[in-house]
C-alpha atoms as a PDB file:
ATOM      1  CA  MET A   1      82.197 102.849 100.662  1.00  0.00           C
ATOM      2  CA  LEU A   2      81.141 103.910  97.216  1.00  0.00           C
ATOM      3  CA  GLY A   3      83.612 102.943  94.522  1.00  0.00           C
ATOM      4  CA  VAL A   4      85.682 100.576  96.663  1.00  0.00           C
ATOM      5  CA  ARG A   5      85.669  97.081  95.163  1.00  0.00           C
ATOM      6  CA  VAL A   6      86.075  94.030  97.372  1.00  0.00           C
ATOM      7  CA  ALA A   7      86.450  90.435  96.142  1.00  0.00           C
ATOM      8  CA  VAL A   8      85.345  87.838  98.674  1.00  0.00           C
ATOM      9  CA  GLY A   9      85.611  84.058  98.774  1.00  0.00           C
ATOM     10  CA  ALA A  10      85.325  81.277 101.318  1.00  0.00           C
ATOM     11  CA  ASP A  11      85.174  77.565 101.734  1.00  0.00           C
ATOM     12  CA  HIS A  12      82.318  75.856 103.562  1.00  0.00           C
ATOM     13  CA  ALA A  13      83.822  76.583 106.994  1.00  0.00           C
ATOM     14  CA  GLY A  14      84.049  80.290 106.219  1.00  0.00           C
ATOM     15  CA  PHE A  15      80.683  80.523 104.459  1.00  0.00           C
ATOM     16  CA  ASP A  16      78.653  81.885 107.387  1.00  0.00           C
ATOM     17  CA  LEU A  17      81.168  84.609 108.233  1.00  0.00           C
ATOM     18  CA  LYS A  18      81.573  85.452 104.546  1.00  0.00           C
ATOM     19  CA  SER A  19      77.806  85.867 104.199  1.00  0.00           C
ATOM     20  CA  HIS A  20      77.765  88.154 107.222  1.00  0.00           C
ATOM     21  CA  LEU A  21      80.640  90.290 105.914  1.00  0.00           C
ATOM     22  CA  VAL A  22      79.209  90.530 102.395  1.00  0.00           C
ATOM     23  CA  ALA A  23      75.963  91.920 103.834  1.00  0.00           C
ATOM     24  CA  TRP A  24      77.936  94.244 106.133  1.00  0.00           C
ATOM     25  CA  LEU A  25      80.035  95.558 103.235  1.00  0.00           C
ATOM     26  CA  ARG A  26      77.058  96.042 100.923  1.00  0.00           C
ATOM     27  CA  ALA A  27      75.170  97.913 103.659  1.00  0.00           C
ATOM     28  CA  ARG A  28      78.101 100.349 103.615  1.00  0.00           C
ATOM     29  CA  SER A  29      77.990 100.698  99.805  1.00  0.00           C
ATOM     30  CA  TYR A  30      81.095  98.653  99.020  1.00  0.00           C
ATOM     31  CA  ASP A  31      81.038  97.008  95.590  1.00  0.00           C
ATOM     32  CA  VAL A  32      81.347  93.304  96.472  1.00  0.00           C
ATOM     33  CA  THR A  33      82.101  90.420  94.119  1.00  0.00           C
ATOM     34  CA  ASP A  34      81.388  87.075  95.759  1.00  0.00           C
ATOM     35  CA  HIS A  35      83.534  84.269  94.348  1.00  0.00           C
ATOM     36  CA  GLY A  36      81.769  81.611  96.417  1.00  0.00           C
ATOM     37  CA  THR A  37      81.181  79.201  97.958  1.00  0.00           C
ATOM     38  CA  HIS A  38      77.457  79.660  98.338  1.00  0.00           C
ATOM     39  CA  SER A  39      76.647  77.019 100.967  1.00  0.00           C
ATOM     40  CA  THR A  40      78.094  75.020 103.837  1.00  0.00           C
ATOM     41  CA  GLU A  41      78.558  71.983 101.598  1.00  0.00           C
ATOM     42  CA  SER A  42      82.197  70.856 101.603  1.00  0.00           C
ATOM     43  CA  VAL A  43      84.297  72.481  98.895  1.00  0.00           C
ATOM     44  CA  ASP A  44      87.998  72.885  98.138  1.00  0.00           C
ATOM     45  CA  TYR A  45      89.235  76.401  98.934  1.00  0.00           C
ATOM     46  CA  PRO A  46      92.303  76.869  96.660  1.00  0.00           C
ATOM     47  CA  PRO A  47      90.437  77.775  93.432  1.00  0.00           C
ATOM     48  CA  ILE A  48      88.144  80.171  95.305  1.00  0.00           C
ATOM     49  CA  CYS A  49      91.027  81.927  97.043  1.00  0.00           C
ATOM     50  CA  ALA A  50      92.996  82.114  93.808  1.00  0.00           C
ATOM     51  CA  ALA A  51      90.013  83.786  92.102  1.00  0.00           C
ATOM     52  CA  VAL A  52      89.861  86.421  94.852  1.00  0.00           C
ATOM     53  CA  ALA A  53      93.622  86.979  94.688  1.00  0.00           C
ATOM     54  CA  ARG A  54      93.583  87.264  90.897  1.00  0.00           C
ATOM     55  CA  ALA A  55      90.823  89.877  91.100  1.00  0.00           C
ATOM     56  CA  VAL A  56      93.093  91.967  93.331  1.00  0.00           C
ATOM     57  CA  ARG A  57      96.145  91.348  91.158  1.00  0.00           C
ATOM     58  CA  ASP A  58      94.263  92.206  87.969  1.00  0.00           C
ATOM     59  CA  GLY A  59      92.788  95.385  89.442  1.00  0.00           C
ATOM     60  CA  THR A  60      89.128  94.372  89.310  1.00  0.00           C
ATOM     61  CA  ALA A  61      89.100  94.530  93.122  1.00  0.00           C
ATOM     62  CA  ASP A  62      90.829  96.952  95.467  1.00  0.00           C
ATOM     63  CA  TRP A  63      90.850  94.450  98.342  1.00  0.00           C
ATOM     64  CA  GLY A  64      90.326  90.750  98.811  1.00  0.00           C
ATOM     65  CA  ILE A  65      88.939  88.727 101.684  1.00  0.00           C
ATOM     66  CA  VAL A  66      89.357  84.960 101.952  1.00  0.00           C
ATOM     67  CA  LEU A  67      87.791  82.894 104.701  1.00  0.00           C
ATOM     68  CA  GLY A  68      87.963  79.332 105.941  1.00  0.00           C
ATOM     69  CA  GLY A  69      87.850  77.515 109.239  1.00  0.00           C
ATOM     70  CA  SER A  70      91.207  78.834 110.438  1.00  0.00           C
ATOM     71  CA  GLY A  71      92.086  81.073 107.496  1.00  0.00           C
ATOM     72  CA  GLN A  72      95.537  79.488 107.234  1.00  0.00           C
ATOM     73  CA  GLY A  73      95.060  77.487 104.051  1.00  0.00           C
ATOM     74  CA  GLU A  74      93.152  80.344 102.453  1.00  0.00           C
ATOM     75  CA  GLN A  75      96.008  82.744 103.177  1.00  0.00           C
ATOM     76  CA  ILE A  76      98.507  80.308 101.690  1.00  0.00           C
ATOM     77  CA  ALA A  77      96.391  79.817  98.563  1.00  0.00           C
ATOM     78  CA  ALA A  78      95.939  83.556  98.009  1.00  0.00           C
ATOM     79  CA  ASN A  79      99.667  84.149  98.471  1.00  0.00           C
ATOM     80  CA  LYS A  80     100.439  81.793  95.573  1.00  0.00           C
ATOM     81  CA  VAL A  81      99.161  84.493  93.191  1.00  0.00           C
ATOM     82  CA  ARG A  82     101.962  86.845  92.203  1.00  0.00           C
ATOM     83  CA  GLY A  83     101.524  90.360  93.520  1.00  0.00           C
ATOM     84  CA  VAL A  84      99.264  89.332  96.369  1.00  0.00           C
ATOM     85  CA  ARG A  85     100.178  89.834  99.995  1.00  0.00           C
ATOM     86  CA  ALA A  86      97.548  87.993 102.026  1.00  0.00           C
ATOM     87  CA  ALA A  87      97.580  88.278 105.797  1.00  0.00           C
ATOM     88  CA  LEU A  88      95.791  86.135 108.371  1.00  0.00           C
ATOM     89  CA  CYS A  89      94.454  88.566 110.969  1.00  0.00           C
ATOM     90  CA  ASN A  90      92.566  87.434 114.040  1.00  0.00           C
ATOM     91  CA  ASP A  91      92.547  90.859 115.676  1.00  0.00           C
ATOM     92  CA  GLU A  92      92.634  94.544 114.802  1.00  0.00           C
ATOM     93  CA  TRP A  93      96.305  95.039 115.665  1.00  0.00           C
ATOM     94  CA  LEU A  94      97.384  92.347 113.195  1.00  0.00           C
ATOM     95  CA  ALA A  95      95.186  93.955 110.526  1.00  0.00           C
ATOM     96  CA  GLU A  96      96.782  97.339 111.189  1.00  0.00           C
ATOM     97  CA  MET A  97     100.299  95.907 111.001  1.00  0.00           C
ATOM     98  CA  ALA A  98      99.515  93.873 107.873  1.00  0.00           C
ATOM     99  CA  ARG A  99      98.408  97.024 106.078  1.00  0.00           C
ATOM    100  CA  SER A 100     100.759  99.637 107.512  1.00  0.00           C
ATOM    101  CA  HIS A 101     103.955  97.573 107.412  1.00  0.00           C
ATOM    102  CA  ASN A 102     103.348  94.900 104.766  1.00  0.00           C
ATOM    103  CA  ASP A 103     100.943  96.606 102.351  1.00  0.00           C
ATOM    104  CA  ALA A 104      98.729  93.518 102.540  1.00  0.00           C
ATOM    105  CA  ASN A 105      95.992  93.530  99.907  1.00  0.00           C
ATOM    106  CA  VAL A 106      94.081  90.380 100.885  1.00  0.00           C
ATOM    107  CA  LEU A 107      92.696  89.731 104.354  1.00  0.00           C
ATOM    108  CA  SER A 108      92.322  86.148 105.553  1.00  0.00           C
ATOM    109  CA  LEU A 109      89.944  85.316 108.393  1.00  0.00           C
ATOM    110  CA  GLY A 110      89.094  82.140 110.265  1.00  0.00           C
ATOM    111  CA  GLY A 111      85.354  81.630 110.407  1.00  0.00           C
ATOM    112  CA  ARG A 112      85.786  79.201 113.301  1.00  0.00           C
ATOM    113  CA  ARG A 113      88.073  81.606 115.184  1.00  0.00           C
ATOM    114  CA  VAL A 114      86.633  85.108 114.743  1.00  0.00           C
ATOM    115  CA  ALA A 115      83.177  86.279 115.819  1.00  0.00           C
ATOM    116  CA  PRO A 116      81.206  88.387 113.311  1.00  0.00           C
ATOM    117  CA  ASP A 117      81.465  91.636 115.318  1.00  0.00           C
ATOM    118  CA  VAL A 118      85.227  91.168 115.718  1.00  0.00           C
ATOM    119  CA  ALA A 119      85.549  90.359 111.999  1.00  0.00           C
ATOM    120  CA  GLU A 120      83.791  93.636 111.171  1.00  0.00           C
ATOM    121  CA  ARG A 121      86.314  95.599 113.243  1.00  0.00           C
ATOM    122  CA  ILE A 122      89.244  93.695 111.749  1.00  0.00           C
ATOM    123  CA  LEU A 123      87.965  94.308 108.227  1.00  0.00           C
ATOM    124  CA  GLU A 124      87.329  97.999 108.858  1.00  0.00           C
ATOM    125  CA  THR A 125      90.828  98.394 110.308  1.00  0.00           C
ATOM    126  CA  PHE A 126      92.339  96.537 107.351  1.00  0.00           C
ATOM    127  CA  ILE A 127      90.584  98.651 104.723  1.00  0.00           C
ATOM    128  CA  ARG A 128      91.091 102.019 106.452  1.00  0.00           C
ATOM    129  CA  THR A 129      94.758 101.613 107.426  1.00  0.00           C
ATOM    130  CA  PRO A 130      97.163 103.151 104.913  1.00  0.00           C
ATOM    131  CA  PHE A 131     100.527 101.663 103.991  1.00  0.00           C
ATOM    132  CA  GLU A 132     103.261 103.646 105.756  1.00  0.00           C
ATOM    133  CA  GLY A 133     105.849 103.301 103.006  1.00  0.00           C
ATOM    134  CA  GLY A 134     109.353 104.392 104.005  1.00  0.00           C
ATOM    135  CA  ARG A 135     111.479 101.535 105.297  1.00  0.00           C
ATOM    136  CA  HIS A 136     108.475  99.241 104.856  1.00  0.00           C
ATOM    137  CA  ALA A 137     108.353  99.972 101.108  1.00  0.00           C
ATOM    138  CA  ARG A 138     111.918  98.716 100.790  1.00  0.00           C
ATOM    139  CA  ARG A 139     110.927  95.466 102.499  1.00  0.00           C
ATOM    140  CA  VAL A 140     107.803  94.995 100.395  1.00  0.00           C
ATOM    141  CA  ALA A 141     109.983  95.524  97.305  1.00  0.00           C
ATOM    142  CA  GLN A 142     112.327  92.821  98.603  1.00  0.00           C
ATOM    143  CA  LEU A 143     109.360  90.468  98.936  1.00  0.00           C
ATOM    144  CA  ALA A 144     108.465  91.193  95.312  1.00  0.00           C
ATOM    145  CA  ASP A 145     112.071  90.448  94.307  1.00  0.00           C
ATOM    146  CA  ILE A 146     111.896  87.054  96.036  1.00  0.00           C
ATOM    147  CA  GLU A 147     108.581  86.364  94.343  1.00  0.00           C
ATOM    148  CA  ARG A 148     110.078  87.142  90.931  1.00  0.00           C
ATOM    149  CA  ASP A 149     113.163  85.014  91.608  1.00  0.00           C
ATOM    150  CA  GLU A 150     111.030  82.029  92.621  1.00  0.00           C
ATOM    151  CA  ALA A 151     108.452  82.372  89.840  1.00  0.00           C
ATOM    152  CA  ASP A 152     110.324  80.272  87.313  1.00  0.00           C
END
């Protein structure tokens, strides 16, 4: 989608799915920044996921995607960056809920858990689902309050 910026990063276990999704996004005219890794050689995921999360926080990306074997560690790493709400979504319903209720801005996927065609549907659902606001906005604000309280 022209003008929509997506930051993407993965460890070695998420590399193949990341490569697939980067090509899928670019074929649809998304502006993709790939923060690595660029092979299946073993690599530590925290710095990569933090780079993706910081791109979202700093406004150089509208959305972030982090990938690993399960996606769990990648979600945790991305959530360490203030202002980021990363959600591990292994199906479309979770992606819809993460966006509509939690205003998630980073999607985490498990490359060893999610097939490429399913990942495409999850990603499309994540990007296209609007945040509902209302009572959910109050809860997201409470999450931000906790984040601020714990930052020091």
